[in-house]
Amino acid sequence: MKRLILDKGKCNYHIVTGTMPHEAELYAASQLSWYLYNASKAFVPVFSSLERCPKRSPELCIGNNIRGISVDTDCLSDDGFRIKTVGEDIVIAGKTPRGTLYGVYYFLEKYINFRCFTKDIETFDNIEKLEVEDLDIIENPAFEYREVYFRSAFDADFCIKNGLNSNMAHIPKERGGKMKFFNFHHSFCDLVPPEKYFDEHPEYFSLVNGERQREHTQLCLTNEDVYQIALGTLRRWIKENPDCKVFSVAQNDCFFYCTCPKCKELDDRYSSPAGSLITFINRLADDIKEDYPDVLIHTFAYQYSKKAPVGLTVADNVIVRLCNIECSWEKSMEKKAEEKPDSESAGFIKNISDWGKICKHLYIWDYACNFGNYLLPFPNYKSMPENLRTYRKNNLVGVMQQGNFSYGEASGMADLESYLAARLLWNPDRDEDKIIDEFILGVYGKKAHPYIREYIDLLLKSIEKNDLYIFHNTDSPIYSDELVEKAEKLFQSAIETADTEKQKWYLEKEYLSVMFMKASRMPLEDPEREKLIDELYYQIKEFGITEIRERKNIETSFENLRKHRYFASEIASEYHLYYIMK
């Protein structure tokens, strides 16, 4: 049966919501009407299913149980949706209102080729006719938690239109809300502050080489007073934040875990420093679950705690988030593990597998940019999709892709990475090459497509025989003089093709990466180097970029760039310190 929704500017259907719709369902209905009108110039009115609003025509039902029409949603996860024809009507319904909103955007993708590439660029086809055959589409996201931790992806519209429920994004309730965390990061010192307790109770903190640590410390997880203080702080957090369902009880960002006899006994018993950590977390989870059955506790498996404990199961109301900061991204972790069984990637694959067997909510903190040089491209365009498929296969259910989160617009192909990650977090089986091509066409234009596609292929070729870590400088063989020379020509050609100011703006922003590679690789005595750095500095200010190295002042970074070839004079991050301590 064919249903003619609209034809040559005339609409044959109405959009209808429930009698008491959720705010997100109302928003979903208005979005469906707005985009269909702009694609076809046929206005599709929105009505409630109240008795005083009788059925006027076949209907597009936004939500479930409307005018007695119900579809089974037991097959759906919280963010999943179902689109089903029921007689002459069409139902778009999620298990939650957010799922319904995702369903509307999926409908628009399917029938008007809608795409949202960035916070200010989206496209759709102009159509004269919209027909819907019999259908029953069931969509569940691959991961229950989907976060693209790039500043450019914190925009609410970008998130909801690409199926993200990011904690860091500004997604209000009327647009479906998000998976909200309290104290998203390392939190041991917030639970039991050293400045408050250390002077009188050094025994609350890590014992390392026979001494209690005040700085760069963790907690003594077998100390009963520490547990009671942490429990009290956690209960206060939960009480003061009733709209939040995830609370972090997570180790600090350093290596110095406690080695006191009691902590060591637990770690030895469970063959990992995660033994004392998970024992502590499980106890907290058990203490709060009766009063707060919907709350989850979030913790890290990071650095010293990345190896899963043996003989210990993680409580069902606990999220364990693995971090793979030591790995490389030039190829998938599985391929790297096959080639180098003793590599960090091989070890991490084992960690995923081991944690996946004992943890219901296993998440990952994944990495997707060069933190030492934000302007450098990070060509993980092939490894990211393959890694996501590996994560899903090993029972990992939540993913965050961390990139450039600094204020200001990003460069280094960060907008492409944000879009690619968003599309794949919903469904890792999507074709990454198709996603890349549609992004290039949508953002840079058809004429620029061959040039930017060639640039991306050059970047991918540059890592075929070279490692890709998250703290490379431009002396890495990835960023050769040959690559820079070719990239410069490609961008100059691409910029000349721009049909719109928006296309030109995005192309010129990405060209900053080429300028940076060229300037930082030039010998210090080259008289053109200072001029190019001056121009780069001016352009970065014009584009509103606030950092070119993670958490470093832009003025300090440029002072460093002027003095040192390859921008290579300082330790880029705590990551390097980790290896020094190790």
Protein backbone atom coordinates (compact mmCIF):
# COMPACT_ATOMS: atom_id res chain seq x y z
CA MET A 1 0.00 0.00 0.00
CA LYS A 2 1.35 3.42 -0.99
CA ARG A 3 0.63 6.48 1.10
CA LEU A 4 0.92 9.81 -0.70
CA ILE A 5 1.97 12.21 2.06
CA LEU A 6 2.35 15.27 -0.12
CA ASP A 7 2.36 16.12 -3.82
CA LYS A 8 3.19 19.32 -5.70
CA GLY A 9 2.84 21.61 -2.69
CA LYS A 10 -0.31 19.96 -1.35
CA CYS A 11 -0.44 17.90 1.81
CA ASN A 12 -2.71 14.89 2.33
CA TYR A 13 -1.70 14.19 5.95
CA HIS A 14 -1.72 15.83 9.37
CA ILE A 15 0.90 15.46 12.09
CA VAL A 16 -0.65 14.52 15.42
CA THR A 17 0.70 14.18 18.97
CA GLY A 18 -0.76 12.57 22.07
CA THR A 19 -3.28 14.35 24.28
CA MET A 20 -0.59 15.20 26.87
CA PRO A 21 2.64 15.08 24.84
CA HIS A 22 6.10 15.38 26.28
CA GLU A 23 7.97 18.56 25.35
CA ALA A 24 10.35 16.55 23.18
CA GLU A 25 7.43 14.99 21.28
CA LEU A 26 6.00 18.44 20.60
CA TYR A 27 9.39 19.56 19.37
CA ALA A 28 9.67 16.44 17.19
CA ALA A 29 6.29 17.20 15.60
CA SER A 30 7.26 20.80 14.89
CA GLN A 31 10.59 19.71 13.36
CA LEU A 32 8.85 17.23 11.07
CA SER A 33 6.41 19.89 9.89
CA TRP A 34 9.11 22.53 9.40
CA TYR A 35 11.49 20.37 7.36
CA LEU A 36 8.75 18.86 5.20
CA TYR A 37 7.51 22.35 4.39
CA ASN A 38 10.97 23.65 3.52
CA ALA A 39 11.68 20.60 1.35
CA SER A 40 8.36 20.65 -0.53
CA LYS A 41 6.52 23.94 0.22
CA ALA A 42 3.63 21.77 1.40
CA PHE A 43 2.55 22.73 4.90
CA VAL A 44 1.81 19.72 7.13
CA PRO A 45 -0.22 21.00 10.10
CA VAL A 46 0.29 19.73 13.64
CA PHE A 47 -2.64 18.82 15.91
CA SER A 48 -3.22 17.18 19.25
CA SER A 49 -5.29 14.02 19.52
CA LEU A 50 -7.64 15.66 22.02
CA GLU A 51 -11.32 14.89 21.48
CA ARG A 52 -11.93 18.46 20.29
CA CYS A 53 -9.34 17.83 17.55
CA PRO A 54 -10.97 14.98 15.59
CA LYS A 55 -9.12 13.11 12.89
CA ARG A 56 -9.20 15.15 9.67
CA SER A 57 -7.06 12.98 7.37
CA PRO A 58 -4.51 10.19 7.49
CA GLU A 59 -1.98 11.00 10.19
CA LEU A 60 1.71 11.00 11.00
CA CYS A 61 1.57 9.99 14.67
CA ILE A 62 4.42 11.33 16.80
CA GLY A 63 4.54 9.09 19.84
CA ASN A 64 2.73 5.92 20.84
CA ASN A 65 -0.89 5.18 21.77
CA ILE A 66 -2.43 7.96 19.69
CA ARG A 67 -6.12 7.55 18.85
CA GLY A 68 -5.82 3.92 19.89
CA ILE A 69 -2.91 3.20 17.56
CA SER A 70 -0.12 1.44 19.42
CA VAL A 71 3.11 -0.18 18.27
CA ASP A 72 5.15 -2.60 20.35
CA THR A 73 8.27 -0.87 21.76
CA ASP A 74 9.54 -3.74 23.91
CA CYS A 75 12.16 -4.36 21.23
CA LEU A 76 13.62 -0.87 21.75
CA SER A 77 16.40 0.43 23.96
CA ASP A 78 15.88 3.74 25.74
CA ASP A 79 17.03 5.75 22.71
CA GLY A 80 15.63 3.44 20.06
CA PHE A 81 12.61 4.11 17.86
CA ARG A 82 10.13 2.39 15.60
CA ILE A 83 8.58 3.73 12.39
CA LYS A 84 5.61 1.63 11.36
CA THR A 85 2.71 1.97 8.94
CA VAL A 86 -0.65 1.11 10.52
CA GLY A 87 -3.32 1.17 7.85
CA GLU A 88 -3.28 4.61 6.28
CA ASP A 89 -1.37 6.13 9.24
CA ILE A 90 2.34 6.21 10.05
CA VAL A 91 3.64 5.96 13.62
CA ILE A 92 7.02 7.32 14.74
CA ALA A 93 7.53 6.28 18.35
CA GLY A 94 10.44 5.76 20.69
CA LYS A 95 10.62 3.99 23.99
CA THR A 96 11.37 7.46 25.38
CA PRO A 97 10.53 10.94 24.02
CA ARG A 98 14.18 11.34 23.01
CA GLY A 99 13.88 8.16 20.96
CA THR A 100 10.81 9.59 19.23
CA LEU A 101 12.77 12.71 18.30
CA TYR A 102 15.57 10.56 16.87
CA GLY A 103 12.92 8.69 14.89
CA VAL A 104 11.67 11.91 13.29
CA TYR A 105 15.18 12.83 12.12
CA TYR A 106 15.63 9.32 10.75
CA PHE A 107 12.38 9.73 8.81
CA LEU A 108 13.68 13.00 7.38
CA GLU A 109 16.99 11.39 6.47
CA LYS A 110 15.17 8.62 4.64
CA TYR A 111 12.67 10.72 2.72
CA ILE A 112 14.28 14.13 2.12
CA ASN A 113 17.96 13.12 2.49
CA PHE A 114 18.37 15.36 5.56
CA ARG A 115 21.88 15.71 7.02
CA CYS A 116 23.31 17.93 9.77
CA PHE A 117 27.07 18.25 9.18
CA THR A 118 28.01 21.00 11.64
CA LYS A 119 26.21 23.32 14.00
CA ASP A 120 25.52 25.71 11.12
CA ILE A 121 25.46 23.54 7.99
CA GLU A 122 22.68 21.11 7.13
CA THR A 123 21.22 19.97 3.83
CA PHE A 124 18.10 18.30 2.45
CA ASP A 125 16.62 17.65 -0.96
CA ASN A 126 13.84 19.63 -2.54
CA ILE A 127 11.00 17.25 -3.36
CA GLU A 128 7.63 17.43 -5.12
CA LYS A 129 6.22 14.13 -3.93
CA LEU A 130 6.61 12.01 -0.80
CA GLU A 131 5.23 8.46 -0.86
CA VAL A 132 5.60 5.87 1.89
CA GLU A 133 5.28 2.16 1.25
CA ASP A 134 4.39 -0.37 3.95
CA LEU A 135 7.25 -0.32 6.43
CA ASP A 136 8.30 -1.37 9.88
CA ILE A 137 11.68 0.09 10.81
CA ILE A 138 13.24 -0.70 14.19
CA GLU A 139 16.39 1.22 15.12
CA ASN A 140 18.44 0.88 18.28
CA PRO A 141 21.78 2.66 18.72
CA ALA A 142 24.85 0.47 18.97
CA PHE A 143 25.85 2.17 22.23
CA GLU A 144 23.69 3.38 25.12
CA TYR A 145 25.99 6.39 25.66
CA ARG A 146 27.31 8.35 22.67
CA GLU A 147 29.53 11.37 23.23
CA VAL A 148 31.57 13.40 20.73
CA TYR A 149 33.75 15.46 23.04
CA PHE A 150 34.69 18.17 20.53
CA ARG A 151 33.74 21.78 21.23
CA SER A 152 32.06 22.00 17.83
CA ALA A 153 29.84 19.04 18.78
CA PHE A 154 28.51 20.51 22.03
CA ASP A 155 25.71 22.17 20.05
CA ALA A 156 22.29 20.73 20.93
CA ASP A 157 20.97 20.63 17.37
CA PHE A 158 24.07 18.89 16.04
CA CYS A 159 23.70 16.25 18.76
CA ILE A 160 20.02 15.45 18.49
CA LYS A 161 20.08 15.45 14.69
CA ASN A 162 22.92 12.92 14.74
CA GLY A 163 21.68 10.69 17.54
CA LEU A 164 24.05 11.79 20.31
CA ASN A 165 23.10 11.93 24.01
CA SER A 166 26.32 13.68 25.04
CA ASN A 167 26.83 14.73 28.64
CA MET A 168 28.86 17.80 27.66
CA ALA A 169 26.37 19.03 25.06
CA HIS A 170 23.79 21.66 25.92
CA ILE A 171 20.69 19.56 25.19
CA PRO A 172 17.59 20.84 27.03
CA LYS A 173 14.65 18.71 28.11
CA GLU A 174 12.45 19.91 25.26
CA ARG A 175 14.99 18.51 22.81
CA GLY A 176 15.14 15.14 24.48
CA GLY A 177 17.71 15.80 27.18
CA LYS A 178 20.93 13.83 27.56
CA MET A 179 22.79 11.30 29.64
CA LYS A 180 23.88 13.65 32.37
CA PHE A 181 26.93 13.02 34.55
CA PHE A 182 27.86 14.73 37.80
CA ASN A 183 31.60 15.33 38.18
CA PHE A 184 32.37 13.79 34.82
CA HIS A 185 36.13 13.50 35.37
CA HIS A 186 38.63 12.40 38.04
CA SER A 187 36.93 12.90 41.41
CA PHE A 188 38.81 11.26 44.29
CA CYS A 189 40.04 14.63 45.59
CA ASP A 190 36.51 16.01 45.42
CA LEU A 191 35.18 13.11 47.47
CA VAL A 192 37.91 13.33 50.12
CA PRO A 193 39.85 16.61 49.66
CA PRO A 194 43.53 16.44 50.68
CA GLU A 195 43.53 20.13 51.64
CA LYS A 196 40.84 19.34 54.22
CA TYR A 197 42.05 16.00 55.55
CA PHE A 198 45.72 15.36 54.80
CA ASP A 199 47.36 17.30 57.63
CA GLU A 200 45.48 15.40 60.34
CA HIS A 201 44.84 12.17 58.43
CA PRO A 202 47.59 11.39 55.92
CA GLU A 203 46.51 7.74 56.22
CA TYR A 204 43.46 8.62 54.04
CA PHE A 205 45.71 8.95 50.99
CA SER A 206 48.07 6.83 48.90
CA LEU A 207 51.01 5.11 50.52
CA VAL A 208 53.78 5.07 47.89
CA ASN A 209 57.34 3.90 48.63
CA GLY A 210 56.61 4.08 52.34
CA GLU A 211 55.25 7.66 52.30
CA ARG A 212 51.72 9.06 52.19
CA GLN A 213 51.17 11.31 49.16
CA ARG A 214 49.57 14.74 49.43
CA GLU A 215 50.21 15.76 45.81
CA HIS A 216 49.54 13.48 42.84
CA THR A 217 47.68 11.14 45.14
CA GLN A 218 44.86 8.61 45.14
CA LEU A 219 42.74 7.46 48.09
CA CYS A 220 43.51 4.65 50.49
CA LEU A 221 40.54 2.53 49.44
CA THR A 222 40.62 0.15 52.39
CA ASN A 223 40.47 2.88 55.05
CA GLU A 224 37.01 2.82 56.68
CA ASP A 225 36.98 6.55 57.38
CA VAL A 226 37.73 7.24 53.72
CA TYR A 227 34.80 5.05 52.73
CA GLN A 228 32.35 6.78 55.08
CA ILE A 229 33.47 10.28 53.98
CA ALA A 230 33.18 9.27 50.31
CA LEU A 231 29.75 7.74 50.87
CA GLY A 232 28.55 10.89 52.61
CA THR A 233 29.84 13.10 49.80
CA LEU A 234 28.26 10.84 47.17
CA ARG A 235 24.88 10.88 48.92
CA ARG A 236 25.03 14.67 49.13
CA TRP A 237 25.80 14.93 45.42
CA ILE A 238 22.86 12.69 44.56
CA LYS A 239 20.47 14.60 46.82
CA GLU A 240 21.55 18.00 45.46
CA ASN A 241 21.31 16.87 41.81
CA PRO A 242 18.02 14.98 41.45
CA ASP A 243 18.00 15.35 37.63
CA CYS A 244 21.34 13.55 37.33
CA LYS A 245 21.58 9.77 37.18
CA VAL A 246 25.35 9.18 36.83
CA PHE A 247 27.92 10.18 39.46
CA SER A 248 31.69 9.82 39.10
CA VAL A 249 33.73 8.12 41.79
CA ALA A 250 36.90 8.02 39.74
CA GLN A 251 40.65 7.87 40.37
CA ASN A 252 42.78 10.96 39.93
CA ASP A 253 44.82 11.57 36.79
CA CYS A 254 48.10 10.20 38.11
CA PHE A 255 49.75 6.86 38.71
CA PHE A 256 50.30 6.82 42.49
CA TYR A 257 47.77 4.27 43.80
CA CYS A 258 47.90 3.12 47.40
CA THR A 259 50.20 0.22 48.29
CA CYS A 260 49.42 -0.08 51.98
CA PRO A 261 49.14 -3.70 53.21
CA LYS A 262 45.32 -3.82 53.03
CA CYS A 263 45.08 -2.28 49.55
CA LYS A 264 47.94 -4.45 48.31
CA GLU A 265 46.28 -7.57 49.69
CA LEU A 266 43.13 -6.87 47.64
CA ASP A 267 45.11 -6.00 44.54
CA ASP A 268 47.16 -9.18 44.84
CA ARG A 269 44.05 -11.26 45.48
CA TYR A 270 42.40 -10.01 42.28
CA SER A 271 45.62 -9.76 40.23
CA SER A 272 45.23 -6.06 39.47
CA PRO A 273 45.26 -2.65 41.19
CA ALA A 274 41.65 -2.52 40.03
CA GLY A 275 40.91 -5.05 42.78
CA SER A 276 40.83 -2.51 45.61
CA LEU A 277 39.15 0.05 43.33
CA ILE A 278 36.22 -2.16 42.24
CA THR A 279 35.80 -3.52 45.78
CA PHE A 280 35.42 0.09 47.00
CA ILE A 281 33.08 1.07 44.14
CA ASN A 282 30.92 -2.06 44.50
CA ARG A 283 30.42 -1.31 48.17
CA LEU A 284 29.26 2.24 47.40
CA ALA A 285 26.95 0.94 44.69
CA ASP A 286 25.39 -1.54 47.09
CA ASP A 287 24.88 1.12 49.76
CA ILE A 288 22.97 3.52 47.49
CA LYS A 289 20.98 1.17 45.25
CA GLU A 290 17.96 0.81 47.55
CA ASP A 291 17.51 4.58 47.97
CA TYR A 292 18.51 5.45 44.40
CA PRO A 293 17.73 2.48 42.15
CA ASP A 294 18.13 4.52 38.94
CA VAL A 295 21.53 5.99 39.80
CA LEU A 296 24.76 4.66 38.28
CA ILE A 297 28.26 5.13 39.70
CA HIS A 298 30.93 5.90 37.11
CA THR A 299 34.61 5.00 37.55
CA PHE A 300 37.74 4.65 35.40
CA ALA A 301 39.88 1.73 34.35
CA TYR A 302 42.84 3.93 33.50
CA GLN A 303 46.63 3.67 33.62
CA TYR A 304 47.30 1.42 36.64
CA SER A 305 43.71 0.12 36.90
CA LYS A 306 43.17 -0.77 33.22
CA LYS A 307 43.70 -4.51 33.78
CA ALA A 308 40.46 -6.21 34.83
CA PRO A 309 40.42 -7.87 38.26
CA VAL A 310 40.32 -11.66 38.24
CA GLY A 311 37.55 -13.26 40.28
CA LEU A 312 35.58 -10.05 40.87
CA THR A 313 32.36 -8.95 39.15
CA VAL A 314 31.35 -5.31 38.75
CA ALA A 315 27.99 -4.36 40.29
CA ASP A 316 25.15 -3.80 37.80
CA ASN A 317 24.75 -0.16 38.85
CA VAL A 318 28.38 0.69 38.07
CA ILE A 319 29.88 2.09 34.86
CA VAL A 320 33.52 1.19 34.25
CA ARG A 321 35.17 3.44 31.66
CA LEU A 322 38.32 2.13 30.02
CA CYS A 323 40.88 4.61 28.69
CA ASN A 324 43.29 3.78 25.86
CA ILE A 325 45.64 6.76 26.10
CA GLU A 326 48.73 4.58 25.59
CA CYS A 327 47.61 3.19 22.22
CA SER A 328 48.18 4.32 18.64
CA TRP A 329 45.57 5.06 15.98
CA GLU A 330 47.19 4.57 12.57
CA LYS A 331 45.26 1.32 12.20
CA SER A 332 42.64 -0.54 14.17
CA MET A 333 43.63 -2.00 17.50
CA GLU A 334 42.81 -5.50 16.30
CA LYS A 335 45.12 -5.15 13.29
CA LYS A 336 47.87 -3.69 15.44
CA ALA A 337 47.44 -6.54 17.93
CA GLU A 338 47.77 -9.11 15.13
CA GLU A 339 50.96 -7.48 13.86
CA LYS A 340 52.47 -6.79 17.30
CA PRO A 341 51.16 -9.13 20.01
CA ASP A 342 53.21 -7.27 22.62
CA SER A 343 51.89 -3.80 21.70
CA GLU A 344 49.75 -1.53 23.89
CA SER A 345 46.90 -2.10 21.43
CA ALA A 346 47.09 -5.86 21.95
CA GLY A 347 47.00 -5.37 25.69
CA PHE A 348 44.05 -3.04 25.38
CA ILE A 349 42.08 -5.51 23.26
CA LYS A 350 42.58 -8.07 26.04
CA ASN A 351 41.47 -5.51 28.64
CA ILE A 352 38.27 -4.81 26.68
CA SER A 353 37.53 -8.51 26.42
CA ASP A 354 38.22 -9.18 30.11
CA TRP A 355 36.21 -6.21 31.41
CA GLY A 356 33.38 -7.01 29.00
CA LYS A 357 32.89 -10.36 30.69
CA ILE A 358 32.45 -8.92 34.19
CA CYS A 359 30.81 -5.51 33.62
CA LYS A 360 27.28 -4.69 32.44
CA HIS A 361 28.02 -1.01 31.69
CA LEU A 362 31.47 -0.98 30.08
CA TYR A 363 32.32 2.38 28.50
CA ILE A 364 35.41 3.78 26.83
CA TRP A 365 37.17 7.13 26.86
CA ASP A 366 38.56 7.11 23.33
CA TYR A 367 40.84 9.71 21.76
CA ALA A 368 40.48 11.43 18.40
CA CYS A 369 42.93 14.30 18.05
CA ASN A 370 46.50 15.46 18.59
CA PHE A 371 46.43 17.09 22.03
CA GLY A 372 49.93 18.47 21.69
CA ASN A 373 49.07 20.17 18.40
CA TYR A 374 45.38 20.83 17.87
CA LEU A 375 46.03 22.22 14.39
CA LEU A 376 47.50 18.96 13.12
CA PRO A 377 45.06 16.59 11.43
CA PHE A 378 44.55 13.26 13.18
CA PRO A 379 43.74 10.81 10.37
CA ASN A 380 41.88 8.12 12.28
CA TYR A 381 39.18 8.03 9.61
CA LYS A 382 39.68 4.30 9.05
CA SER A 383 40.79 3.13 12.48
CA MET A 384 37.91 4.82 14.30
CA PRO A 385 35.15 2.85 12.54
CA GLU A 386 37.02 -0.42 12.90
CA ASN A 387 37.70 0.20 16.59
CA LEU A 388 34.03 1.00 17.22
CA ARG A 389 33.07 -2.33 15.67
CA THR A 390 35.57 -4.02 17.97
CA TYR A 391 34.14 -2.25 21.01
CA ARG A 392 30.61 -3.32 20.18
CA LYS A 393 31.72 -6.93 19.62
CA ASN A 394 33.27 -7.01 23.09
CA ASN A 395 30.16 -5.85 25.02
CA LEU A 396 31.28 -2.25 25.33
CA VAL A 397 28.10 -0.13 25.53
CA GLY A 398 29.23 3.49 25.90
CA VAL A 399 31.75 5.53 23.89
CA MET A 400 33.20 9.00 24.15
CA GLN A 401 35.43 10.28 21.35
CA GLN A 402 37.56 13.05 22.84
CA GLY A 403 38.93 15.71 20.53
CA ASN A 404 39.61 19.43 20.70
CA PHE A 405 37.27 20.71 23.43
CA SER A 406 38.85 24.17 23.74
CA TYR A 407 36.76 27.28 23.18
CA GLY A 408 36.73 28.68 19.68
CA GLU A 409 36.44 26.97 16.36
CA ALA A 410 38.47 23.83 15.75
CA SER A 411 40.77 22.98 12.86
CA GLY A 412 42.71 19.84 11.93
CA MET A 413 39.64 18.35 10.21
CA ALA A 414 37.91 18.28 13.60
CA ASP A 415 34.50 19.06 12.07
CA LEU A 416 34.81 16.01 9.82
CA GLU A 417 35.86 13.85 12.76
CA SER A 418 32.92 15.09 14.84
CA TYR A 419 30.45 14.19 12.12
CA LEU A 420 32.10 10.86 11.35
CA ALA A 421 32.12 9.88 15.02
CA ALA A 422 28.49 10.93 15.53
CA ARG A 423 27.26 8.87 12.59
CA LEU A 424 29.26 5.83 13.60
CA LEU A 425 28.34 5.92 17.29
CA TRP A 426 24.75 5.24 16.32
CA ASN A 427 25.72 2.55 13.81
CA PRO A 428 29.38 1.51 13.38
CA ASP A 429 28.45 -0.49 10.28
CA ARG A 430 27.83 2.66 8.28
CA ASP A 431 30.26 3.15 5.41
CA GLU A 432 32.91 5.62 6.60
CA ASP A 433 33.92 6.56 3.05
CA LYS A 434 30.34 7.46 2.20
CA ILE A 435 30.12 9.56 5.38
CA ILE A 436 33.37 11.37 4.54
CA ASP A 437 32.27 12.09 0.98
CA GLU A 438 28.85 13.39 2.00
CA PHE A 439 30.52 15.68 4.54
CA ILE A 440 32.95 17.09 1.98
CA LEU A 441 30.12 17.70 -0.50
CA GLY A 442 27.85 19.22 2.14
CA VAL A 443 30.42 21.50 3.80
CA TYR A 444 33.03 22.35 1.16
CA GLY A 445 30.98 21.92 -2.01
CA LYS A 446 30.97 19.70 -5.08
CA LYS A 447 33.79 21.60 -6.79
CA ALA A 448 36.11 21.34 -3.79
CA HIS A 449 35.34 17.67 -3.22
CA PRO A 450 38.16 16.15 -5.33
CA TYR A 451 40.78 18.38 -3.69
CA ILE A 452 39.73 17.73 -0.09
CA ARG A 453 39.20 14.04 -0.78
CA GLU A 454 42.76 13.86 -2.14
CA TYR A 455 44.03 15.67 0.97
CA ILE A 456 42.32 13.11 3.21
CA ASP A 457 43.74 10.26 1.15
CA LEU A 458 47.22 11.80 1.49
CA LEU A 459 46.82 11.88 5.26
CA LEU A 460 45.69 8.25 5.31
CA LYS A 461 48.64 7.24 3.15
CA SER A 462 51.04 9.09 5.47
CA ILE A 463 50.19 6.74 8.36
CA GLU A 464 50.47 3.49 6.43
CA LYS A 465 54.02 2.98 7.71
CA ASN A 466 54.04 5.38 10.67
CA ASP A 467 52.52 5.33 14.14
CA LEU A 468 49.78 7.83 14.98
CA TYR A 469 49.86 8.93 18.61
CA ILE A 470 47.99 11.76 20.30
CA PHE A 471 51.10 13.87 21.00
CA HIS A 472 53.06 14.05 17.75
CA ASN A 473 54.99 17.17 16.78
CA THR A 474 55.52 18.14 13.16
CA ASP A 475 58.89 16.41 13.03
CA SER A 476 56.91 13.16 12.82
CA PRO A 477 57.36 11.44 9.43
CA ILE A 478 53.57 11.67 9.06
CA TYR A 479 53.84 15.38 8.29
CA SER A 480 56.50 15.36 5.58
CA ASP A 481 57.56 18.30 3.42
CA GLU A 482 56.07 16.48 0.45
CA LEU A 483 52.69 16.19 2.18
CA VAL A 484 52.75 19.87 3.17
CA GLU A 485 53.61 20.96 -0.36
CA LYS A 486 50.81 18.89 -1.91
CA ALA A 487 48.32 19.95 0.75
CA GLU A 488 49.07 23.62 0.15
CA LYS A 489 48.31 23.28 -3.57
CA LEU A 490 45.14 21.27 -2.91
CA PHE A 491 43.73 23.85 -0.51
CA GLN A 492 44.58 26.75 -2.76
CA SER A 493 42.69 25.03 -5.58
CA ALA A 494 39.79 24.13 -3.29
CA ILE A 495 39.41 27.67 -1.93
CA GLU A 496 39.27 29.03 -5.46
CA THR A 497 36.25 26.81 -6.18
CA ALA A 498 34.12 28.04 -3.26
CA ASP A 499 30.62 29.02 -4.39
CA THR A 500 29.53 30.44 -1.02
CA GLU A 501 31.12 32.40 1.79
CA LYS A 502 30.33 29.54 4.16
CA GLN A 503 32.25 27.05 2.01
CA LYS A 504 35.18 29.47 1.79
CA TRP A 505 35.13 30.03 5.56
CA TYR A 506 35.35 26.32 6.31
CA LEU A 507 38.05 25.74 3.70
CA GLU A 508 40.18 28.62 4.96
CA LYS A 509 39.79 27.39 8.51
CA GLU A 510 41.16 23.97 7.56
CA TYR A 511 43.98 25.61 5.62
CA LEU A 512 45.32 26.78 8.99
CA SER A 513 46.56 23.22 9.50
CA VAL A 514 48.68 23.45 6.38
CA MET A 515 50.03 26.86 7.39
CA PHE A 516 50.95 25.46 10.81
CA MET A 517 52.69 22.38 9.38
CA LYS A 518 54.65 24.52 6.96
CA ALA A 519 55.65 27.21 9.48
CA SER A 520 56.67 24.83 12.26
CA ARG A 521 58.79 22.69 9.92
CA MET A 522 60.70 25.63 8.39
CA PRO A 523 64.28 26.16 9.65
CA LEU A 524 64.52 28.91 12.26
CA GLU A 525 66.86 30.93 10.07
CA ASP A 526 64.45 31.01 7.12
CA PRO A 527 63.45 34.70 6.69
CA GLU A 528 59.93 33.69 5.57
CA ARG A 529 59.22 31.73 8.74
CA GLU A 530 58.43 34.72 10.96
CA LYS A 531 56.12 36.21 8.32
CA LEU A 532 54.18 32.98 7.99
CA ILE A 533 53.84 32.64 11.77
CA ASP A 534 52.56 36.23 11.97
CA GLU A 535 49.95 35.46 9.32
CA LEU A 536 48.98 32.22 11.08
CA TYR A 537 48.58 34.07 14.38
CA TYR A 538 46.37 36.69 12.74
CA GLN A 539 44.19 34.09 11.03
CA ILE A 540 43.79 32.03 14.21
CA LYS A 541 42.56 35.13 16.03
CA GLU A 542 40.15 35.86 13.17
CA PHE A 543 38.67 32.37 13.41
CA GLY A 544 38.31 32.58 17.19
CA ILE A 545 40.63 29.67 17.97
CA THR A 546 41.73 29.90 21.59
CA GLU A 547 44.24 27.02 21.91
CA ILE A 548 46.62 25.24 19.58
CA ARG A 549 47.94 22.97 22.35
CA GLU A 550 45.79 21.43 25.07
CA ARG A 551 45.26 23.81 28.01
CA LYS A 552 48.06 26.14 26.89
CA ASN A 553 47.68 29.90 26.55
CA ILE A 554 47.67 30.91 22.88
CA GLU A 555 50.31 33.61 23.42
CA THR A 556 52.63 31.18 25.19
CA SER A 557 52.13 28.64 22.43
CA PHE A 558 53.04 31.13 19.72
CA GLU A 559 56.10 32.27 21.67
CA ASN A 560 57.16 28.64 21.76
CA LEU A 561 56.44 28.20 18.04
CA ARG A 562 58.62 31.20 17.16
CA LYS A 563 61.58 29.94 19.21
CA HIS A 564 61.54 26.23 18.48
CA ARG A 565 61.33 24.34 15.25
CA TYR A 566 58.58 21.72 15.15
CA PHE A 567 56.90 23.41 18.14
CA ALA A 568 58.69 20.78 20.22
CA SER A 569 60.28 22.37 23.30
CA GLU A 570 57.82 21.47 26.05
CA ILE A 571 56.08 18.43 27.45
CA ALA A 572 52.68 18.48 25.81
CA SER A 573 50.64 16.83 28.52
CA GLU A 574 50.35 14.76 31.66
CA TYR A 575 50.52 11.73 29.38
CA HIS A 576 54.28 12.18 29.02
CA LEU A 577 54.59 12.61 32.77
CA TYR A 578 52.80 9.30 33.18
CA TYR A 579 55.52 7.51 31.25
CA ILE A 580 58.25 9.33 33.21
CA MET A 581 56.69 8.21 36.49
CA LYS A 582 56.24 4.72 35.18
